């Protein structure tokens, strides 16, 4: 059974970063996002994703170290949101 938060995150990632030719269901939950040769996300992409996550889920990702850890994979983003979202 799929996790609705992970599914929502994958859709947000594809839409925010305009990943041409990538369908949300093709993104593995635990595959590294930043620096991955498959997705090729860089620091600008990470910043865009942080802003989208803050807007969509009301979480604050403070430092660059915190964002590096939170944005490791879709699964780590979901865990971060569950731990830090208002009302979580």
C-alpha atoms as a PDB file:
ATOM      1  CA  UNK A   1       0.000   0.000   0.000  1.00  0.00           C
ATOM      2  CA  UNK A   2       1.429   3.365  -0.943  1.00  0.00           C
ATOM      3  CA  UNK A   3       2.035   6.203   1.490  1.00  0.00           C
ATOM      4  CA  UNK A   4      -0.123   9.234   0.583  1.00  0.00           C
ATOM      5  CA  UNK A   5       2.514  11.700   1.849  1.00  0.00           C
ATOM      6  CA  UNK A   6       5.260  10.087  -0.240  1.00  0.00           C
ATOM      7  CA  UNK A   7       2.990  10.078  -3.296  1.00  0.00           C
ATOM      8  CA  UNK A   8       2.192  13.768  -2.727  1.00  0.00           C
ATOM      9  CA  UNK A   9       5.892  14.601  -2.318  1.00  0.00           C
ATOM     10  CA  UNK A  10       6.830  12.881  -5.565  1.00  0.00           C
ATOM     11  CA  UNK A  11       4.179  14.870  -7.447  1.00  0.00           C
ATOM     12  CA  UNK A  12       5.431  18.092  -5.797  1.00  0.00           C
ATOM     13  CA  UNK A  13       9.056  17.290  -6.713  1.00  0.00           C
ATOM     14  CA  UNK A  14       8.247  16.637 -10.368  1.00  0.00           C
ATOM     15  CA  UNK A  15       6.064  19.759 -10.634  1.00  0.00           C
ATOM     16  CA  UNK A  16       8.374  22.113  -8.695  1.00  0.00           C
ATOM     17  CA  UNK A  17      11.549  21.062 -10.456  1.00  0.00           C
ATOM     18  CA  UNK A  18       9.917  20.583 -13.864  1.00  0.00           C
ATOM     19  CA  UNK A  19      11.498  17.147 -14.275  1.00  0.00           C
ATOM     20  CA  UNK A  20      10.908  16.453 -17.946  1.00  0.00           C
ATOM     21  CA  UNK A  21      10.185  12.823 -18.730  1.00  0.00           C
ATOM     22  CA  UNK A  22      10.021  11.742 -15.072  1.00  0.00           C
ATOM     23  CA  UNK A  23       6.773  10.404 -13.696  1.00  0.00           C
ATOM     24  CA  UNK A  24       6.268  10.664  -9.914  1.00  0.00           C
ATOM     25  CA  UNK A  25       5.899   6.902  -9.537  1.00  0.00           C
ATOM     26  CA  UNK A  26       9.341   6.423 -11.137  1.00  0.00           C
ATOM     27  CA  UNK A  27      11.111   8.153  -8.218  1.00  0.00           C
ATOM     28  CA  UNK A  28      12.310   5.534  -5.688  1.00  0.00           C
ATOM     29  CA  UNK A  29      11.554   6.419  -2.067  1.00  0.00           C
ATOM     30  CA  UNK A  30      15.166   5.983  -0.918  1.00  0.00           C
ATOM     31  CA  UNK A  31      17.187   7.120  -3.940  1.00  0.00           C
ATOM     32  CA  UNK A  32      19.380  10.191  -3.312  1.00  0.00           C
ATOM     33  CA  UNK A  33      17.879  13.301  -4.902  1.00  0.00           C
ATOM     34  CA  UNK A  34      20.737  15.799  -4.746  1.00  0.00           C
ATOM     35  CA  UNK A  35      23.788  14.970  -6.809  1.00  0.00           C
ATOM     36  CA  UNK A  36      22.140  11.899  -8.290  1.00  0.00           C
ATOM     37  CA  UNK A  37      23.146  11.309 -11.910  1.00  0.00           C
ATOM     38  CA  UNK A  38      19.610  10.082 -12.571  1.00  0.00           C
ATOM     39  CA  UNK A  39      17.870  13.300 -11.487  1.00  0.00           C
ATOM     40  CA  UNK A  40      20.764  15.765 -11.596  1.00  0.00           C
ATOM     41  CA  UNK A  41      19.407  18.045  -8.883  1.00  0.00           C
ATOM     42  CA  UNK A  42      21.726  20.820  -7.746  1.00  0.00           C
ATOM     43  CA  UNK A  43      21.741  23.449  -5.002  1.00  0.00           C
ATOM     44  CA  UNK A  44      19.324  25.719  -6.903  1.00  0.00           C
ATOM     45  CA  UNK A  45      16.898  22.803  -7.239  1.00  0.00           C
ATOM     46  CA  UNK A  46      17.306  22.124  -3.519  1.00  0.00           C
ATOM     47  CA  UNK A  47      16.436  25.736  -2.699  1.00  0.00           C
ATOM     48  CA  UNK A  48      13.351  25.621  -4.928  1.00  0.00           C
ATOM     49  CA  UNK A  49      12.290  22.383  -3.276  1.00  0.00           C
ATOM     50  CA  UNK A  50      12.811  23.796   0.238  1.00  0.00           C
ATOM     51  CA  UNK A  51      10.627  26.804  -0.630  1.00  0.00           C
ATOM     52  CA  UNK A  52       7.916  24.550  -2.079  1.00  0.00           C
ATOM     53  CA  UNK A  53       7.964  22.311   1.008  1.00  0.00           C
ATOM     54  CA  UNK A  54       7.761  25.308   3.333  1.00  0.00           C
ATOM     55  CA  UNK A  55       4.797  26.684   1.400  1.00  0.00           C
ATOM     56  CA  UNK A  56       2.987  23.368   0.970  1.00  0.00           C
ATOM     57  CA  UNK A  57       3.510  21.863   4.437  1.00  0.00           C
ATOM     58  CA  UNK A  58       4.331  24.826   6.680  1.00  0.00           C
ATOM     59  CA  UNK A  59       7.701  23.374   7.730  1.00  0.00           C
ATOM     60  CA  UNK A  60      10.786  25.511   8.236  1.00  0.00           C
ATOM     61  CA  UNK A  61      14.087  24.125   7.047  1.00  0.00           C
ATOM     62  CA  UNK A  62      16.608  26.383   8.738  1.00  0.00           C
ATOM     63  CA  UNK A  63      20.214  25.610   7.932  1.00  0.00           C
ATOM     64  CA  UNK A  64      21.920  24.213   4.871  1.00  0.00           C
ATOM     65  CA  UNK A  65      22.927  21.165   6.941  1.00  0.00           C
ATOM     66  CA  UNK A  66      19.302  20.610   7.916  1.00  0.00           C
ATOM     67  CA  UNK A  67      18.203  20.901   4.281  1.00  0.00           C
ATOM     68  CA  UNK A  68      20.942  18.492   3.140  1.00  0.00           C
ATOM     69  CA  UNK A  69      19.738  15.904   5.639  1.00  0.00           C
ATOM     70  CA  UNK A  70      16.030  16.468   4.973  1.00  0.00           C
ATOM     71  CA  UNK A  71      16.413  16.371   1.178  1.00  0.00           C
ATOM     72  CA  UNK A  72      18.458  13.172   1.047  1.00  0.00           C
ATOM     73  CA  UNK A  73      15.552  11.211  -0.450  1.00  0.00           C
ATOM     74  CA  UNK A  74      11.772  11.270  -0.705  1.00  0.00           C
ATOM     75  CA  UNK A  75      11.613   9.084   2.422  1.00  0.00           C
ATOM     76  CA  UNK A  76      13.757  11.529   4.448  1.00  0.00           C
ATOM     77  CA  UNK A  77      11.614  14.458   3.283  1.00  0.00           C
ATOM     78  CA  UNK A  78       8.503  12.608   4.457  1.00  0.00           C
ATOM     79  CA  UNK A  79      10.121  11.854   7.841  1.00  0.00           C
ATOM     80  CA  UNK A  80      11.160  15.516   8.224  1.00  0.00           C
ATOM     81  CA  UNK A  81       7.628  16.719   7.441  1.00  0.00           C
ATOM     82  CA  UNK A  82       6.088  14.244   9.880  1.00  0.00           C
ATOM     83  CA  UNK A  83       8.464  15.424  12.618  1.00  0.00           C
ATOM     84  CA  UNK A  84       8.253  19.190  11.954  1.00  0.00           C
ATOM     85  CA  UNK A  85       4.924  20.053  10.297  1.00  0.00           C
ATOM     86  CA  UNK A  86       2.530  22.116  12.367  1.00  0.00           C
ATOM     87  CA  UNK A  87       0.124  19.776  14.146  1.00  0.00           C
ATOM     88  CA  UNK A  88       2.329  16.729  13.482  1.00  0.00           C
END
